[in-house]
Protein backbone atom coordinates (compact mmCIF):
# COMPACT_ATOMS: atom_id res chain seq x y z
CA UNK A 1 93.72 27.81 110.80
CA UNK A 2 96.53 25.03 110.65
CA UNK A 3 99.69 25.55 112.05
CA UNK A 4 103.29 23.53 112.08
CA UNK A 5 103.59 23.33 115.70
CA UNK A 6 101.82 20.24 116.46
CA UNK A 7 98.89 19.51 118.61
CA UNK A 8 100.40 18.80 122.25
CA UNK A 9 103.16 21.30 122.81
CA UNK A 10 104.91 21.23 126.48
CA UNK A 11 105.94 24.34 127.92
CA UNK A 12 109.25 22.71 129.19
CA UNK A 13 110.81 23.55 132.86
CA UNK A 14 114.06 24.73 132.59
CA UNK A 15 116.63 22.42 134.49
CA UNK A 16 119.31 23.83 136.67
CA UNK A 17 122.26 22.55 138.50
CA UNK A 18 123.40 22.92 142.00
CA UNK A 19 124.39 26.49 141.54
CA UNK A 20 120.74 27.25 139.60
CA UNK A 21 122.72 28.34 136.48
CA UNK A 22 120.93 26.57 133.40
CA UNK A 23 121.87 23.25 132.75
CA UNK A 24 121.86 22.74 129.03
CA UNK A 25 122.99 19.46 128.66
CA UNK A 26 119.98 18.26 130.99
CA UNK A 27 117.92 21.11 129.04
CA UNK A 28 118.69 18.87 125.61
CA UNK A 29 118.19 15.72 127.15
CA UNK A 30 114.66 16.58 128.45
CA UNK A 31 113.69 18.14 125.17
CA UNK A 32 114.38 14.74 123.57
CA UNK A 33 112.53 12.90 126.45
CA UNK A 34 109.41 15.10 126.03
CA UNK A 35 109.32 14.78 122.09
CA UNK A 36 109.84 10.74 122.41
CA UNK A 37 106.91 11.11 124.91
CA UNK A 38 103.80 12.88 123.36
CA UNK A 39 105.00 16.01 122.39
CA UNK A 40 104.72 17.70 119.33
CA UNK A 41 106.38 21.03 120.15
CA UNK A 42 108.16 22.57 123.18
CA UNK A 43 107.95 26.19 124.30
CA UNK A 44 111.32 27.41 125.66
CA UNK A 45 111.63 29.82 128.44
CA UNK A 46 107.68 30.64 128.76
CA UNK A 47 106.05 30.80 132.26
CA UNK A 48 106.73 27.29 133.13
CA UNK A 49 110.55 27.96 132.29
CA UNK A 50 110.86 30.47 134.95
CA UNK A 51 111.19 33.39 131.73
CA UNK A 52 111.26 36.22 134.46
CA UNK A 53 114.58 34.94 136.03
CA UNK A 54 116.02 34.16 132.75
CA UNK A 55 118.44 36.33 131.09
CA UNK A 56 118.07 37.05 127.59
CA UNK A 57 121.55 35.59 126.74
CA UNK A 58 120.39 32.70 128.74
CA UNK A 59 117.08 32.40 126.48
CA UNK A 60 118.88 32.51 123.36
CA UNK A 61 121.34 29.68 124.13
CA UNK A 62 118.56 27.71 125.99
CA UNK A 63 116.59 28.06 122.13
CA UNK A 64 119.80 27.18 120.08
CA UNK A 65 120.34 23.96 122.84
CA UNK A 66 116.71 22.60 122.13
CA UNK A 67 116.71 23.65 118.57
CA UNK A 68 119.96 21.47 117.86
CA UNK A 69 118.79 18.82 120.22
CA UNK A 70 114.86 18.06 118.43
CA UNK A 71 114.57 20.90 115.79
CA UNK A 72 114.42 18.33 112.98
CA UNK A 73 111.40 16.53 114.87
CA UNK A 74 109.35 18.77 116.68
CA UNK A 75 108.39 22.73 116.43
CA UNK A 76 110.48 24.84 118.86
CA UNK A 77 108.81 27.89 119.95
CA UNK A 78 110.72 30.71 121.63
CA UNK A 79 109.21 32.65 124.74
CA UNK A 80 110.10 36.11 124.02
CA UNK A 81 107.33 38.08 125.26
CA UNK A 82 107.95 40.81 127.95
CA UNK A 83 106.48 44.30 129.39
CA UNK A 84 108.19 46.51 126.73
CA UNK A 85 107.40 46.13 123.18
CA UNK A 86 110.85 47.12 121.87
CA UNK A 87 112.68 44.36 124.24
CA UNK A 88 110.22 42.32 122.82
CA UNK A 89 110.80 42.81 119.15
CA UNK A 90 114.33 42.64 119.72
CA UNK A 91 114.47 39.36 121.54
CA UNK A 92 111.82 37.59 118.88
CA UNK A 93 114.42 38.74 116.15
CA UNK A 94 117.26 37.02 117.66
CA UNK A 95 115.06 34.10 118.45
CA UNK A 96 114.61 33.77 114.60
CA UNK A 97 118.48 33.88 113.80
CA UNK A 98 118.75 31.17 116.50
CA UNK A 99 116.36 29.48 114.47
CA UNK A 100 113.13 28.98 116.04
CA UNK A 101 110.02 28.25 114.28
CA UNK A 102 107.58 30.33 116.14
CA UNK A 103 107.44 32.87 119.20
CA UNK A 104 105.26 33.02 122.06
CA UNK A 105 104.80 36.47 123.26
CA UNK A 106 102.89 36.83 126.74
CA UNK A 107 100.53 39.90 127.15
CA UNK A 108 102.44 42.73 128.77
CA UNK A 109 102.44 42.52 132.50
CA UNK A 110 102.68 44.72 135.72
CA UNK A 111 102.35 48.12 133.46
CA UNK A 112 98.76 47.04 132.57
CA UNK A 113 97.99 49.17 129.23
CA UNK A 114 94.60 49.30 128.31
CA UNK A 115 93.21 46.94 125.38
CA UNK A 116 94.02 49.47 122.73
CA UNK A 117 97.63 49.65 123.97
CA UNK A 118 97.54 45.50 123.93
CA UNK A 119 96.53 45.53 120.23
CA UNK A 120 98.85 48.27 119.50
CA UNK A 121 101.72 46.20 121.12
CA UNK A 122 101.16 42.97 119.40
CA UNK A 123 100.52 44.62 116.01
CA UNK A 124 104.25 46.24 116.37
CA UNK A 125 105.58 42.63 117.55
CA UNK A 126 104.13 40.99 114.38
CA UNK A 127 105.12 43.91 111.88
CA UNK A 128 108.85 43.67 113.11
CA UNK A 129 108.92 39.62 113.38
CA UNK A 130 110.58 37.32 111.10
CA UNK A 131 108.53 34.59 112.75
CA UNK A 132 104.81 33.33 113.22
CA UNK A 133 103.50 35.22 116.82
CA UNK A 134 101.45 33.19 118.82
CA UNK A 135 99.83 35.52 121.38
CA UNK A 136 99.92 34.25 125.07
CA UNK A 137 96.92 35.62 126.88
CA UNK A 138 96.87 35.12 130.62
CA UNK A 139 95.04 37.23 132.81
CA UNK A 140 95.68 35.54 135.95
CA UNK A 141 99.46 36.47 135.84
CA UNK A 142 99.36 39.39 133.60
CA UNK A 143 96.76 41.56 134.77
CA UNK A 144 95.05 42.40 131.52
CA UNK A 145 92.90 40.70 129.41
CA UNK A 146 92.34 40.55 125.56
CA UNK A 147 88.65 40.02 125.09
CA UNK A 148 87.56 37.55 122.30
CA UNK A 149 86.86 40.83 119.73
CA UNK A 150 90.17 42.12 120.39
CA UNK A 151 91.91 38.65 119.89
CA UNK A 152 89.62 38.76 116.73
CA UNK A 153 91.37 41.94 115.60
CA UNK A 154 94.61 40.31 116.07
CA UNK A 155 93.50 37.48 114.18
CA UNK A 156 93.73 39.46 111.25
CA UNK A 157 97.02 40.49 111.84
CA UNK A 158 100.00 39.41 109.29
CA UNK A 159 101.96 36.67 111.00
CA UNK A 160 99.70 36.41 114.25
CA UNK A 161 99.08 32.98 113.63
CA UNK A 162 96.95 31.88 116.98
CA UNK A 163 96.59 32.32 120.80
CA UNK A 164 97.62 30.36 123.65
CA UNK A 165 94.41 31.19 125.60
CA UNK A 166 95.00 30.68 129.30
CA UNK A 167 91.74 32.88 130.04
CA UNK A 168 89.57 29.98 131.99
CA UNK A 169 86.32 31.57 130.84
CA UNK A 170 84.52 28.80 128.38
CA UNK A 171 81.86 31.54 127.47
CA UNK A 172 84.94 33.87 126.42
CA UNK A 173 86.45 30.83 124.31
CA UNK A 174 82.92 30.10 122.83
CA UNK A 175 82.62 33.97 121.86
CA UNK A 176 86.52 33.82 120.28
CA UNK A 177 85.61 30.56 118.42
CA UNK A 178 82.25 32.47 117.12
CA UNK A 179 83.68 35.34 115.98
CA UNK A 180 87.41 34.83 114.67
CA UNK A 181 89.46 31.80 112.80
CA UNK A 182 92.23 32.56 114.96
CA UNK A 183 94.32 29.24 115.88
CA UNK A 184 93.48 28.52 119.61
CA UNK A 185 95.77 26.49 121.74
CA UNK A 186 94.65 25.57 125.43
CA UNK A 187 96.73 27.33 127.71
CA UNK A 188 95.34 25.68 131.11
CA UNK A 189 95.71 21.49 130.95
CA UNK A 190 92.13 21.45 132.24
CA UNK A 191 90.71 23.42 129.06
CA UNK A 192 92.20 21.00 126.57
CA UNK A 193 89.17 18.65 125.74
CA UNK A 194 87.30 22.07 125.54
CA UNK A 195 89.49 23.82 123.26
CA UNK A 196 90.03 20.52 121.12
CA UNK A 197 86.02 19.86 120.86
CA UNK A 198 86.00 23.66 119.73
CA UNK A 199 87.76 23.13 116.76
CA UNK A 200 91.23 24.42 118.43
CA UNK A 201 94.73 23.44 117.47
CA UNK A 202 95.55 21.85 120.90
CA UNK A 203 97.09 22.71 124.06
CA UNK A 204 100.34 24.53 125.23
CA UNK A 205 100.61 22.44 128.35
CA UNK A 206 102.02 21.48 131.70
CA UNK A 207 100.94 18.17 132.59
CA UNK A 208 102.35 16.58 129.39
CA UNK A 209 105.90 16.70 130.94
CA UNK A 210 104.68 13.31 132.63
CA UNK A 211 101.48 12.42 130.80
CA UNK A 212 102.06 13.22 127.63
CA UNK A 213 101.24 10.14 125.56
CA UNK A 214 97.95 10.25 127.10
CA UNK A 215 97.30 13.86 126.39
CA UNK A 216 98.17 12.96 122.90
CA UNK A 217 95.81 9.89 122.81
CA UNK A 218 92.79 12.19 123.95
CA UNK A 219 93.66 14.55 121.43
CA UNK A 220 93.60 11.71 118.66
CA UNK A 221 90.31 10.52 119.87
CA UNK A 222 88.51 14.07 119.62
CA UNK A 223 89.78 14.28 115.52
CA UNK A 224 88.72 10.75 115.18
CA UNK A 225 85.01 11.69 116.51
CA UNK A 226 85.48 9.47 119.16
CA UNK A 227 84.24 12.17 121.95
CA UNK A 228 83.27 9.19 124.90
CA UNK A 229 87.05 8.11 125.00
CA UNK A 230 88.49 11.53 124.84
CA UNK A 231 86.24 12.49 127.89
CA UNK A 232 87.12 9.49 130.00
CA UNK A 233 90.80 10.36 129.68
CA UNK A 234 90.13 13.76 130.48
CA UNK A 235 88.24 12.98 133.41
CA UNK A 236 91.19 10.60 134.22
CA UNK A 237 93.81 13.50 134.26
CA UNK A 238 91.88 16.02 135.64
CA UNK A 239 93.05 15.20 139.35
CA UNK A 240 96.84 15.22 138.00
CA UNK A 241 95.94 18.70 136.46
CA UNK A 242 94.75 20.09 140.15
CA UNK A 243 97.90 18.89 141.71
CA UNK A 244 100.25 20.33 139.26
CA UNK A 245 98.52 23.49 140.55
CA UNK A 246 98.16 22.72 144.34
CA UNK A 247 100.46 25.97 144.32
CA UNK A 248 102.33 28.17 141.80
CA UNK A 249 103.65 26.81 138.56
CA UNK A 250 106.06 25.41 137.69
CA UNK A 251 106.88 24.28 141.43
CA UNK A 252 104.65 21.15 141.19
CA UNK A 253 105.69 20.08 138.06
CA UNK A 254 109.38 20.63 138.64
CA UNK A 255 108.76 18.48 141.69
CA UNK A 256 106.52 15.72 139.57
CA UNK A 257 109.66 15.41 136.76
CA UNK A 258 112.39 15.27 139.78
CA UNK A 259 110.13 12.34 141.43
CA UNK A 260 110.05 10.81 137.92
CA UNK A 261 113.99 10.52 138.33
CA UNK A 262 114.40 13.18 135.69
CA UNK A 263 116.76 15.94 137.58
CA UNK A 264 115.75 19.18 136.41
CA UNK A 265 117.01 20.87 139.81
CA UNK A 266 115.40 23.47 141.93
CA UNK A 267 113.57 26.98 141.30
CA UNK A 268 115.30 30.44 141.16
CA UNK A 269 114.11 32.77 143.86
CA UNK A 270 111.31 34.23 144.14
CA UNK A 271 110.12 30.73 143.20
CA UNK A 272 110.90 28.01 146.08
CA UNK A 273 111.24 24.45 146.44
CA UNK A 274 107.78 22.29 146.78
CA UNK A 275 106.62 21.83 150.70
CA UNK A 276 106.53 18.51 151.88
CA UNK A 277 102.66 18.62 151.70
CA UNK A 278 102.93 19.82 148.05
CA UNK A 279 105.24 17.07 146.69
CA UNK A 280 102.83 14.34 148.76
CA UNK A 281 99.60 15.62 146.91
CA UNK A 282 101.91 15.44 143.39
CA UNK A 283 103.34 12.08 144.39
CA UNK A 284 99.66 10.93 145.30
CA UNK A 285 98.61 11.61 141.45
CA UNK A 286 101.86 10.25 139.97
CA UNK A 287 101.44 6.87 141.87
CA UNK A 288 97.66 6.88 141.07
CA UNK A 289 98.19 7.08 137.28
CA UNK A 290 101.15 4.07 138.23
CA UNK A 291 103.72 6.44 136.84
CA UNK A 292 105.44 5.78 140.05
């Protein structure tokens, strides 16, 4: 399945100022920098953007800011998923009014609906959405998982165009590829090569904040049949992927971006800054890759 959102999509961090208010100027600057460094598209107010601590008004202002900054050069995907179907629908409709290209809708978390509830949730959102919908399946955070069979059902629903698959089970990925033609984005950076080799669309990534050009190069190698070259890049980047999850995302990636001299500020509680030890792990990988 083809989409217009690109191959390497970065799930952006949210820059905060010293008072932990959203810094919209730095947000625009970061969006431009990412598009100039390997990103075909951007997710705004996703997990990496600390969406649980953002208000709806902040999210909508962020969507407008990024669309104004790069909307003519990259796909802008709005993170609109919540654990409330009605709230998700309302936020998705408002994101469309802002000019977003698509909505990223996470599986409802905390209330842990059964799979039939998940299916009905996404059907309701898609039916009410003016935007293409990308399902965000992340059982490690949400506590629920959409099986390959359920995703195959949802892949037949109008306006559901893809899934960000952050279930690390490779067998489940293979079952999904076999049973459905829904577009697949890797939801974990270390799955990007596997998804590309399976015919997926690309990845919605975190490490692309710092190695976007290398990840784009890997994707180009796969498209052109140079699988050994792609595998070599993947092997080179795997230690970085691990370092960027040395603790809860987005703590390490914010540390990494700040180390590169791109000021994105701190994190809102209950997230906290990286420890000295965690920052050292991240710095070591940036130095290994000669980014510092």
